[in-house]
PDB file of N, CA and C in Angstrom:
ATOM      1  N   MET A   1     176.724 139.921 166.936  1.00  0.00           N
ATOM      2  CA  MET A   1     176.979 138.241 166.353  1.00  0.00           C
ATOM      3  C   MET A   1     176.924 137.123 167.649  1.00  0.00           C
ATOM      4  N   GLN A   2     177.867 137.455 168.902  1.00  0.00           N
ATOM      5  CA  GLN A   2     177.524 136.535 169.639  1.00  0.00           C
ATOM      6  C   GLN A   2     176.192 135.838 169.989  1.00  0.00           C
ATOM      7  N   GLN A   3     175.601 136.840 169.826  1.00  0.00           N
ATOM      8  CA  GLN A   3     174.162 136.410 170.467  1.00  0.00           C
ATOM      9  C   GLN A   3     173.043 135.511 169.510  1.00  0.00           C
ATOM     10  N   HIS A   4     173.511 135.835 168.253  1.00  0.00           N
ATOM     11  CA  HIS A   4     172.736 135.318 167.311  1.00  0.00           C
ATOM     12  C   HIS A   4     173.977 133.970 167.480  1.00  0.00           C
ATOM     13  N   GLN A   5     174.683 134.077 167.452  1.00  0.00           N
ATOM     14  CA  GLN A   5     175.481 132.527 167.688  1.00  0.00           C
ATOM     15  C   GLN A   5     175.256 132.080 169.070  1.00  0.00           C
ATOM     16  N   ASP A   6     174.602 132.347 170.088  1.00  0.00           N
ATOM     17  CA  ASP A   6     174.576 131.381 171.405  1.00  0.00           C
ATOM     18  C   ASP A   6     172.951 131.294 171.309  1.00  0.00           C
ATOM     19  N   ALA A   7     171.946 131.837 170.231  1.00  0.00           N
ATOM     20  CA  ALA A   7     171.216 131.624 169.767  1.00  0.00           C
ATOM     21  C   ALA A   7     170.614 130.453 169.275  1.00  0.00           C
ATOM     22  N   ASN A   8     171.485 129.806 168.371  1.00  0.00           N
ATOM     23  CA  ASN A   8     171.605 128.780 167.390  1.00  0.00           C
ATOM     24  C   ASN A   8     172.086 127.605 167.891  1.00  0.00           C
ATOM     25  N   THR A   9     170.938 126.892 168.800  1.00  0.00           N
ATOM     26  CA  THR A   9     171.426 125.462 169.313  1.00  0.00           C
ATOM     27  C   THR A   9     171.636 124.532 168.267  1.00  0.00           C
ATOM     28  N   LEU A  10     171.395 124.393 166.978  1.00  0.00           N
ATOM     29  CA  LEU A  10     171.784 123.435 165.881  1.00  0.00           C
ATOM     30  C   LEU A  10     172.718 123.379 165.122  1.00  0.00           C
ATOM     31  N   VAL A  11     173.897 124.146 165.769  1.00  0.00           N
ATOM     32  CA  VAL A  11     175.461 124.165 165.343  1.00  0.00           C
ATOM     33  C   VAL A  11     176.311 123.989 166.434  1.00  0.00           C
ATOM     34  N   PRO A  12     177.474 123.171 166.577  1.00  0.00           N
ATOM     35  CA  PRO A  12     178.166 122.596 167.338  1.00  0.00           C
ATOM     36  C   PRO A  12     178.490 123.803 168.599  1.00  0.00           C
ATOM     37  N   THR A  13     178.656 123.034 169.692  1.00  0.00           N
ATOM     38  CA  THR A  13     178.848 124.786 170.742  1.00  0.00           C
ATOM     39  C   THR A  13     179.967 125.297 170.947  1.00  0.00           C
ATOM     40  N   SER A  14     181.070 124.604 170.371  1.00  0.00           N
ATOM     41  CA  SER A  14     182.649 124.314 170.911  1.00  0.00           C
ATOM     42  C   SER A  14     183.029 124.494 168.914  1.00  0.00           C
ATOM     43  N   GLY A  15     184.025 125.264 169.475  1.00  0.00           N
ATOM     44  CA  GLY A  15     185.593 124.588 168.230  1.00  0.00           C
ATOM     45  C   GLY A  15     184.785 126.137 167.228  1.00  0.00           C
ATOM     46  N   CYS A  16     184.361 126.958 167.108  1.00  0.00           N
ATOM     47  CA  CYS A  16     184.190 127.877 166.380  1.00  0.00           C
ATOM     48  C   CYS A  16     185.336 128.979 165.910  1.00  0.00           C
ATOM     49  N   VAL A  17     185.466 128.454 164.610  1.00  0.00           N
ATOM     50  CA  VAL A  17     186.412 129.282 164.365  1.00  0.00           C
ATOM     51  C   VAL A  17     186.181 130.864 162.980  1.00  0.00           C
ATOM     52  N   ARG A  18     184.784 130.596 162.708  1.00  0.00           N
ATOM     53  CA  ARG A  18     184.342 131.655 161.754  1.00  0.00           C
ATOM     54  C   ARG A  18     183.123 131.505 161.780  1.00  0.00           C
ATOM     55  N   TYR A  19     182.213 132.490 162.359  1.00  0.00           N
ATOM     56  CA  TYR A  19     180.483 132.412 162.493  1.00  0.00           C
ATOM     57  C   TYR A  19     180.233 134.058 161.513  1.00  0.00           C
ATOM     58  N   GLU A  20     179.287 133.717 160.056  1.00  0.00           N
ATOM     59  CA  GLU A  20     179.155 135.192 159.668  1.00  0.00           C
ATOM     60  C   GLU A  20     177.679 134.583 159.115  1.00  0.00           C
ATOM     61  N   PRO A  21     176.738 135.269 160.052  1.00  0.00           N
ATOM     62  CA  PRO A  21     175.114 135.622 159.481  1.00  0.00           C
ATOM     63  C   PRO A  21     175.053 136.545 158.627  1.00  0.00           C
ATOM     64  N   SER A  22     173.724 136.392 158.036  1.00  0.00           N
ATOM     65  CA  SER A  22     173.595 137.183 157.348  1.00  0.00           C
ATOM     66  C   SER A  22     171.843 137.123 156.895  1.00  0.00           C
ATOM     67  N   PHE A  23     171.506 137.782 156.230  1.00  0.00           N
ATOM     68  CA  PHE A  23     169.731 137.989 155.843  1.00  0.00           C
ATOM     69  C   PHE A  23     169.585 136.784 155.101  1.00  0.00           C
ATOM     70  N   GLY A  24     169.243 135.802 155.821  1.00  0.00           N
ATOM     71  CA  GLY A  24     169.064 134.381 154.668  1.00  0.00           C
ATOM     72  C   GLY A  24     169.688 133.197 154.723  1.00  0.00           C
ATOM     73  N   HIS A  25     171.298 133.761 155.226  1.00  0.00           N
ATOM     74  CA  HIS A  25     172.208 132.617 155.008  1.00  0.00           C
ATOM     75  C   HIS A  25     173.165 132.624 156.348  1.00  0.00           C
ATOM     76  N   LEU A  26     173.863 131.753 156.524  1.00  0.00           N
ATOM     77  CA  LEU A  26     174.764 131.289 157.465  1.00  0.00           C
ATOM     78  C   LEU A  26     175.997 130.788 156.864  1.00  0.00           C
ATOM     79  N   PHE A  27     177.123 131.280 157.317  1.00  0.00           N
ATOM     80  CA  PHE A  27     178.702 130.655 157.049  1.00  0.00           C
ATOM     81  C   PHE A  27     178.889 130.427 157.982  1.00  0.00           C
ATOM     82  N   ALA A  28     179.647 129.643 158.456  1.00  0.00           N
ATOM     83  CA  ALA A  28     180.500 128.962 159.507  1.00  0.00           C
ATOM     84  C   ALA A  28     181.452 127.948 159.591  1.00  0.00           C
ATOM     85  N   ALA A  29     182.460 127.754 160.509  1.00  0.00           N
ATOM     86  CA  ALA A  29     183.336 126.856 160.205  1.00  0.00           C
ATOM     87  C   ALA A  29     183.923 126.512 161.248  1.00  0.00           C
ATOM     88  N   TYR A  30     184.161 125.096 161.866  1.00  0.00           N
ATOM     89  CA  TYR A  30     184.364 124.851 163.081  1.00  0.00           C
ATOM     90  C   TYR A  30     185.591 123.760 163.249  1.00  0.00           C
ATOM     91  N   LYS A  31     186.341 124.160 164.302  1.00  0.00           N
ATOM     92  CA  LYS A  31     187.492 123.024 164.566  1.00  0.00           C
ATOM     93  C   LYS A  31     186.749 121.474 165.186  1.00  0.00           C
ATOM     94  N   ILE A  32     186.629 120.008 164.545  1.00  0.00           N
ATOM     95  CA  ILE A  32     186.498 119.326 164.717  1.00  0.00           C
ATOM     96  C   ILE A  32     187.079 117.977 164.616  1.00  0.00           C
ATOM     97  N   THR A  33     186.740 117.320 165.377  1.00  0.00           N
ATOM     98  CA  THR A  33     187.402 115.672 165.593  1.00  0.00           C
ATOM     99  C   THR A  33     186.428 115.255 164.338  1.00  0.00           C
ATOM    100  N   PRO A  34     187.066 114.178 163.542  1.00  0.00           N
ATOM    101  CA  PRO A  34     186.203 113.404 162.980  1.00  0.00           C
ATOM    102  C   PRO A  34     184.989 112.626 163.489  1.00  0.00           C
ATOM    103  N   ALA A  35     184.951 112.534 164.506  1.00  0.00           N
ATOM    104  CA  ALA A  35     184.382 111.564 165.157  1.00  0.00           C
ATOM    105  C   ALA A  35     183.105 112.593 165.827  1.00  0.00           C
ATOM    106  N   GLU A  36     183.877 113.766 166.071  1.00  0.00           N
ATOM    107  CA  GLU A  36     182.927 114.401 166.669  1.00  0.00           C
ATOM    108  C   GLU A  36     181.781 115.101 165.616  1.00  0.00           C
ATOM    109  N   PHE A  37     182.536 115.227 163.995  1.00  0.00           N
ATOM    110  CA  PHE A  37     181.629 115.333 162.732  1.00  0.00           C
ATOM    111  C   PHE A  37     180.536 114.300 162.990  1.00  0.00           C
ATOM    112  N   ASP A  38     180.965 113.367 163.231  1.00  0.00           N
ATOM    113  CA  ASP A  38     180.319 112.086 162.512  1.00  0.00           C
ATOM    114  C   ASP A  38     179.058 112.082 163.330  1.00  0.00           C
ATOM    115  N   ALA A  39     178.995 112.534 164.797  1.00  0.00           N
ATOM    116  CA  ALA A  39     178.352 112.494 165.911  1.00  0.00           C
ATOM    117  C   ALA A  39     177.595 113.461 165.853  1.00  0.00           C
ATOM    118  N   TRP A  40     177.786 114.430 165.224  1.00  0.00           N
ATOM    119  CA  TRP A  40     176.615 115.755 165.149  1.00  0.00           C
ATOM    120  C   TRP A  40     176.020 115.511 164.204  1.00  0.00           C
ATOM    121  N   VAL A  41     176.545 115.113 162.713  1.00  0.00           N
ATOM    122  CA  VAL A  41     175.861 114.492 161.572  1.00  0.00           C
ATOM    123  C   VAL A  41     174.814 113.779 161.857  1.00  0.00           C
ATOM    124  N   SER A  42     175.168 112.420 162.529  1.00  0.00           N
ATOM    125  CA  SER A  42     173.831 111.656 162.774  1.00  0.00           C
ATOM    126  C   SER A  42     173.005 112.095 163.614  1.00  0.00           C
ATOM    127  N   GLN A  43     173.363 112.800 164.784  1.00  0.00           N
ATOM    128  CA  GLN A  43     172.588 113.587 165.517  1.00  0.00           C
ATOM    129  C   GLN A  43     171.460 114.767 165.631  1.00  0.00           C
ATOM    130  N   HIS A  44     172.159 115.607 164.372  1.00  0.00           N
ATOM    131  CA  HIS A  44     171.288 116.390 164.074  1.00  0.00           C
ATOM    132  C   HIS A  44     169.734 116.242 164.068  1.00  0.00           C
ATOM    133  N   PRO A  45     168.893 117.063 164.323  1.00  0.00           N
ATOM    134  CA  PRO A  45     167.389 116.718 164.717  1.00  0.00           C
ATOM    135  C   PRO A  45     167.098 116.814 162.508  1.00  0.00           C
ATOM    136  N   TRP A  46     167.327 117.631 161.687  1.00  0.00           N
ATOM    137  CA  TRP A  46     166.858 117.983 160.493  1.00  0.00           C
ATOM    138  C   TRP A  46     167.215 116.544 159.900  1.00  0.00           C
ATOM    139  N   GLY A  47     167.997 115.846 159.911  1.00  0.00           N
ATOM    140  CA  GLY A  47     167.722 114.330 159.189  1.00  0.00           C
ATOM    141  C   GLY A  47     168.915 114.974 158.306  1.00  0.00           C
ATOM    142  N   LEU A  48     170.241 114.638 158.142  1.00  0.00           N
ATOM    143  CA  LEU A  48     171.148 115.372 156.941  1.00  0.00           C
ATOM    144  C   LEU A  48     171.624 113.916 156.686  1.00  0.00           C
ATOM    145  N   VAL A  49     171.925 113.877 155.705  1.00  0.00           N
ATOM    146  CA  VAL A  49     172.170 112.720 154.193  1.00  0.00           C
ATOM    147  C   VAL A  49     173.335 113.101 153.503  1.00  0.00           C
ATOM    148  N   GLU A  50     173.971 111.963 153.002  1.00  0.00           N
ATOM    149  CA  GLU A  50     174.797 112.328 152.127  1.00  0.00           C
ATOM    150  C   GLU A  50     174.412 113.378 150.992  1.00  0.00           C
ATOM    151  N   TYR A  51     175.306 114.474 150.707  1.00  0.00           N
ATOM    152  CA  TYR A  51     175.215 115.327 149.476  1.00  0.00           C
ATOM    153  C   TYR A  51     175.463 115.333 148.202  1.00  0.00           C
ATOM    154  N   ASP A  52     174.869 115.306 146.744  1.00  0.00           N
ATOM    155  CA  ASP A  52     175.411 115.135 146.003  1.00  0.00           C
ATOM    156  C   ASP A  52     176.271 116.121 145.205  1.00  0.00           C
ATOM    157  N   ARG A  53     176.449 117.564 146.266  1.00  0.00           N
ATOM    158  CA  ARG A  53     177.603 118.377 146.077  1.00  0.00           C
ATOM    159  C   ARG A  53     176.953 119.358 145.072  1.00  0.00           C
ATOM    160  N   GLY A  54     175.951 119.133 144.919  1.00  0.00           N
ATOM    161  CA  GLY A  54     175.278 120.307 143.904  1.00  0.00           C
ATOM    162  C   GLY A  54     175.592 121.744 144.133  1.00  0.00           C
ATOM    163  N   LEU A  55     176.342 122.369 144.942  1.00  0.00           N
ATOM    164  CA  LEU A  55     175.941 123.563 145.291  1.00  0.00           C
ATOM    165  C   LEU A  55     177.808 123.769 145.842  1.00  0.00           C
ATOM    166  N   MET A  56     178.378 122.696 145.816  1.00  0.00           N
ATOM    167  CA  MET A  56     179.711 122.910 146.721  1.00  0.00           C
ATOM    168  C   MET A  56     180.442 123.480 145.957  1.00  0.00           C
ATOM    169  N   GLN A  57     180.756 123.799 144.806  1.00  0.00           N
ATOM    170  CA  GLN A  57     181.550 124.969 144.596  1.00  0.00           C
ATOM    171  C   GLN A  57     181.137 126.623 145.013  1.00  0.00           C
ATOM    172  N   HIS A  58     180.232 127.012 145.468  1.00  0.00           N
ATOM    173  CA  HIS A  58     179.909 128.094 145.923  1.00  0.00           C
ATOM    174  C   HIS A  58     180.034 128.401 147.345  1.00  0.00           C
ATOM    175  N   ASP A  59     180.172 127.073 148.230  1.00  0.00           N
ATOM    176  CA  ASP A  59     180.209 126.826 149.422  1.00  0.00           C
ATOM    177  C   ASP A  59     181.762 126.892 149.389  1.00  0.00           C
ATOM    178  N   GLU A  60     182.328 125.993 148.418  1.00  0.00           N
ATOM    179  CA  GLU A  60     183.743 125.897 148.732  1.00  0.00           C
ATOM    180  C   GLU A  60     184.780 127.175 148.462  1.00  0.00           C
ATOM    181  N   GLN A  61     184.178 128.389 147.489  1.00  0.00           N
ATOM    182  CA  GLN A  61     184.471 129.583 147.142  1.00  0.00           C
ATOM    183  C   GLN A  61     184.266 130.638 148.567  1.00  0.00           C
ATOM    184  N   ARG A  62     182.924 130.458 148.836  1.00  0.00           N
ATOM    185  CA  ARG A  62     182.940 131.479 150.224  1.00  0.00           C
ATOM    186  C   ARG A  62     183.627 131.131 151.760  1.00  0.00           C
ATOM    187  N   LEU A  63     183.709 129.799 151.646  1.00  0.00           N
ATOM    188  CA  LEU A  63     184.603 129.227 153.018  1.00  0.00           C
ATOM    189  C   LEU A  63     186.028 129.039 152.900  1.00  0.00           C
ATOM    190  N   GLY A  64     186.208 128.817 151.842  1.00  0.00           N
ATOM    191  CA  GLY A  64     188.011 128.695 151.384  1.00  0.00           C
ATOM    192  C   GLY A  64     188.307 127.407 151.781  1.00  0.00           C
ATOM    193  N   PHE A  65     187.778 126.001 151.735  1.00  0.00           N
ATOM    194  CA  PHE A  65     188.313 124.828 151.318  1.00  0.00           C
ATOM    195  C   PHE A  65     187.662 124.364 149.970  1.00  0.00           C
ATOM    196  N   SER A  66     188.548 122.930 149.364  1.00  0.00           N
ATOM    197  CA  SER A  66     188.257 122.197 148.398  1.00  0.00           C
ATOM    198  C   SER A  66     188.191 120.845 148.838  1.00  0.00           C
ATOM    199  N   GLU A  67     187.677 119.883 148.110  1.00  0.00           N
ATOM    200  CA  GLU A  67     187.593 118.978 147.887  1.00  0.00           C
ATOM    201  C   GLU A  67     187.647 118.152 149.209  1.00  0.00           C
ATOM    202  N   PRO A  68     186.484 118.017 150.124  1.00  0.00           N
ATOM    203  CA  PRO A  68     186.006 117.733 151.161  1.00  0.00           C
ATOM    204  C   PRO A  68     186.032 116.237 151.139  1.00  0.00           C
ATOM    205  N   THR A  69     186.053 115.399 152.565  1.00  0.00           N
ATOM    206  CA  THR A  69     186.344 114.205 152.511  1.00  0.00           C
ATOM    207  C   THR A  69     184.885 113.620 152.750  1.00  0.00           C
ATOM    208  N   ASN A  70     184.063 114.695 153.213  1.00  0.00           N
ATOM    209  CA  ASN A  70     182.686 114.460 153.738  1.00  0.00           C
ATOM    210  C   ASN A  70     181.714 115.653 153.398  1.00  0.00           C
ATOM    211  N   ALA A  71     180.388 115.163 152.594  1.00  0.00           N
ATOM    212  CA  ALA A  71     179.684 116.032 152.838  1.00  0.00           C
ATOM    213  C   ALA A  71     177.849 115.513 153.096  1.00  0.00           C
ATOM    214  N   TYR A  72     177.079 116.559 153.563  1.00  0.00           N
ATOM    215  CA  TYR A  72     176.054 116.149 154.127  1.00  0.00           C
ATOM    216  C   TYR A  72     175.180 117.622 153.677  1.00  0.00           C
ATOM    217  N   ALA A  73     173.879 117.098 153.886  1.00  0.00           N
ATOM    218  CA  ALA A  73     173.061 118.220 153.835  1.00  0.00           C
ATOM    219  C   ALA A  73     171.399 117.715 153.973  1.00  0.00           C
ATOM    220  N   THR A  74     170.582 118.450 154.280  1.00  0.00           N
ATOM    221  CA  THR A  74     169.364 118.208 154.703  1.00  0.00           C
ATOM    222  C   THR A  74     168.650 118.460 152.780  1.00  0.00           C
ATOM    223  N   GLU A  75     167.320 117.961 153.166  1.00  0.00           N
ATOM    224  CA  GLU A  75     166.853 117.741 151.713  1.00  0.00           C
ATOM    225  C   GLU A  75     166.436 119.669 151.064  1.00  0.00           C
ATOM    226  N   MET A  76     166.394 119.476 150.187  1.00  0.00           N
ATOM    227  CA  MET A  76     165.845 120.856 150.078  1.00  0.00           C
ATOM    228  C   MET A  76     164.320 121.511 150.271  1.00  0.00           C
ATOM    229  N   SER A  77     164.187 122.362 151.054  1.00  0.00           N
ATOM    230  CA  SER A  77     163.109 122.806 151.084  1.00  0.00           C
ATOM    231  C   SER A  77     162.328 123.315 150.102  1.00  0.00           C
ATOM    232  N   SER A  78     160.843 123.132 149.940  1.00  0.00           N
ATOM    233  CA  SER A  78     160.126 124.133 148.997  1.00  0.00           C
ATOM    234  C   SER A  78     160.623 125.394 148.969  1.00  0.00           C
ATOM    235  N   ASN A  79     161.283 126.405 149.622  1.00  0.00           N
ATOM    236  CA  ASN A  79     161.690 127.416 149.710  1.00  0.00           C
ATOM    237  C   ASN A  79     162.881 127.959 149.242  1.00  0.00           C
ATOM    238  N   GLY A  80     163.462 126.854 149.024  1.00  0.00           N
ATOM    239  CA  GLY A  80     165.314 126.281 148.815  1.00  0.00           C
ATOM    240  C   GLY A  80     165.737 126.785 149.710  1.00  0.00           C
ATOM    241  N   GLY A  81     165.433 126.482 151.028  1.00  0.00           N
ATOM    242  CA  GLY A  81     166.157 126.501 152.282  1.00  0.00           C
ATOM    243  C   GLY A  81     167.027 125.201 152.511  1.00  0.00           C
ATOM    244  N   GLN A  82     168.056 125.285 152.914  1.00  0.00           N
ATOM    245  CA  GLN A  82     168.788 123.760 152.763  1.00  0.00           C
ATOM    246  C   GLN A  82     170.275 124.152 153.557  1.00  0.00           C
ATOM    247  N   LEU A  83     170.491 122.971 154.752  1.00  0.00           N
ATOM    248  CA  LEU A  83     171.894 123.194 155.670  1.00  0.00           C
ATOM    249  C   LEU A  83     172.624 122.489 154.624  1.00  0.00           C
ATOM    250  N   ARG A  84     173.638 122.664 154.237  1.00  0.00           N
ATOM    251  CA  ARG A  84     174.924 121.791 153.806  1.00  0.00           C
ATOM    252  C   ARG A  84     176.175 122.184 154.893  1.00  0.00           C
ATOM    253  N   VAL A  85     176.823 120.724 155.120  1.00  0.00           N
ATOM    254  CA  VAL A  85     177.755 120.861 156.011  1.00  0.00           C
ATOM    255  C   VAL A  85     178.901 119.633 155.247  1.00  0.00           C
ATOM    256  N   TYR A  86     179.924 120.073 155.481  1.00  0.00           N
ATOM    257  CA  TYR A  86     181.450 119.442 154.682  1.00  0.00           C
ATOM    258  C   TYR A  86     182.500 119.421 155.894  1.00  0.00           C
ATOM    259  N   PHE A  87     183.441 118.252 155.566  1.00  0.00           N
ATOM    260  CA  PHE A  87     184.528 118.076 156.545  1.00  0.00           C
ATOM    261  C   PHE A  87     185.673 118.064 155.641  1.00  0.00           C
ATOM    262  N   LYS A  88     186.767 118.684 156.132  1.00  0.00           N
ATOM    263  CA  LYS A  88     188.137 118.179 155.483  1.00  0.00           C
ATOM    264  C   LYS A  88     189.159 118.753 156.748  1.00  0.00           C
ATOM    265  N   ASP A  89     190.123 117.374 156.772  1.00  0.00           N
ATOM    266  CA  ASP A  89     191.805 118.028 157.993  1.00  0.00           C
ATOM    267  C   ASP A  89     190.976 118.850 158.928  1.00  0.00           C
ATOM    268  N   GLY A  90     190.531 117.959 159.986  1.00  0.00           N
ATOM    269  CA  GLY A  90     189.622 118.470 161.251  1.00  0.00           C
ATOM    270  C   GLY A  90     188.796 120.003 161.300  1.00  0.00           C
ATOM    271  N   MET A  91     188.170 120.454 160.150  1.00  0.00           N
ATOM    272  CA  MET A  91     187.343 121.301 160.113  1.00  0.00           C
ATOM    273  C   MET A  91     185.827 121.036 159.789  1.00  0.00           C
ATOM    274  N   MET A  92     185.159 121.245 160.263  1.00  0.00           N
ATOM    275  CA  MET A  92     183.706 121.475 159.372  1.00  0.00           C
ATOM    276  C   MET A  92     183.267 122.677 158.735  1.00  0.00           C
ATOM    277  N   TYR A  93     182.874 122.614 157.695  1.00  0.00           N
ATOM    278  CA  TYR A  93     181.909 123.714 156.970  1.00  0.00           C
ATOM    279  C   TYR A  93     180.840 123.962 157.036  1.00  0.00           C
ATOM    280  N   LEU A  94     179.917 124.687 157.366  1.00  0.00           N
ATOM    281  CA  LEU A  94     178.938 124.712 157.379  1.00  0.00           C
ATOM    282  C   LEU A  94     177.899 125.834 156.423  1.00  0.00           C
ATOM    283  N   SER A  95     176.861 125.686 155.691  1.00  0.00           N
ATOM    284  CA  SER A  95     176.381 126.887 154.855  1.00  0.00           C
ATOM    285  C   SER A  95     174.907 126.828 155.220  1.00  0.00           C
ATOM    286  N   TYR A  96     174.302 127.688 155.217  1.00  0.00           N
ATOM    287  CA  TYR A  96     172.901 127.500 155.546  1.00  0.00           C
ATOM    288  C   TYR A  96     172.293 128.353 155.059  1.00  0.00           C
ATOM    289  N   ASN A  97     171.409 128.025 153.957  1.00  0.00           N
ATOM    290  CA  ASN A  97     170.408 129.104 153.247  1.00  0.00           C
ATOM    291  C   ASN A  97     169.063 128.639 153.694  1.00  0.00           C
ATOM    292  N   VAL A  98     168.245 129.828 154.377  1.00  0.00           N
ATOM    293  CA  VAL A  98     167.094 130.116 154.546  1.00  0.00           C
ATOM    294  C   VAL A  98     165.821 130.245 153.833  1.00  0.00           C
ATOM    295  N   MET A  99     166.401 130.529 152.273  1.00  0.00           N
ATOM    296  CA  MET A  99     165.365 130.664 151.377  1.00  0.00           C
ATOM    297  C   MET A  99     165.998 130.580 150.080  1.00  0.00           C
TER     298      MET A  99
END
């Protein structure tokens, strides 16, 4: 798992408290300040935009959070892939579905 995490350059480099890769999906959580979260979102190369929270219930259940203060996502790709990130109480929750 550490090798997968080290090779994944599109996630925060520090603060990881949960990292669960599987075939086709990545769930992760990071301890992060609001300013760090805003900077990470604004600088992400995939162009994160405010998220309509359509799949949030699944992510909330899987990652153990509710009612985030911020939610961003990429546009869903033609194969269903999407990166979704949420922020609440000093934690960033990440859900990445590759297909």
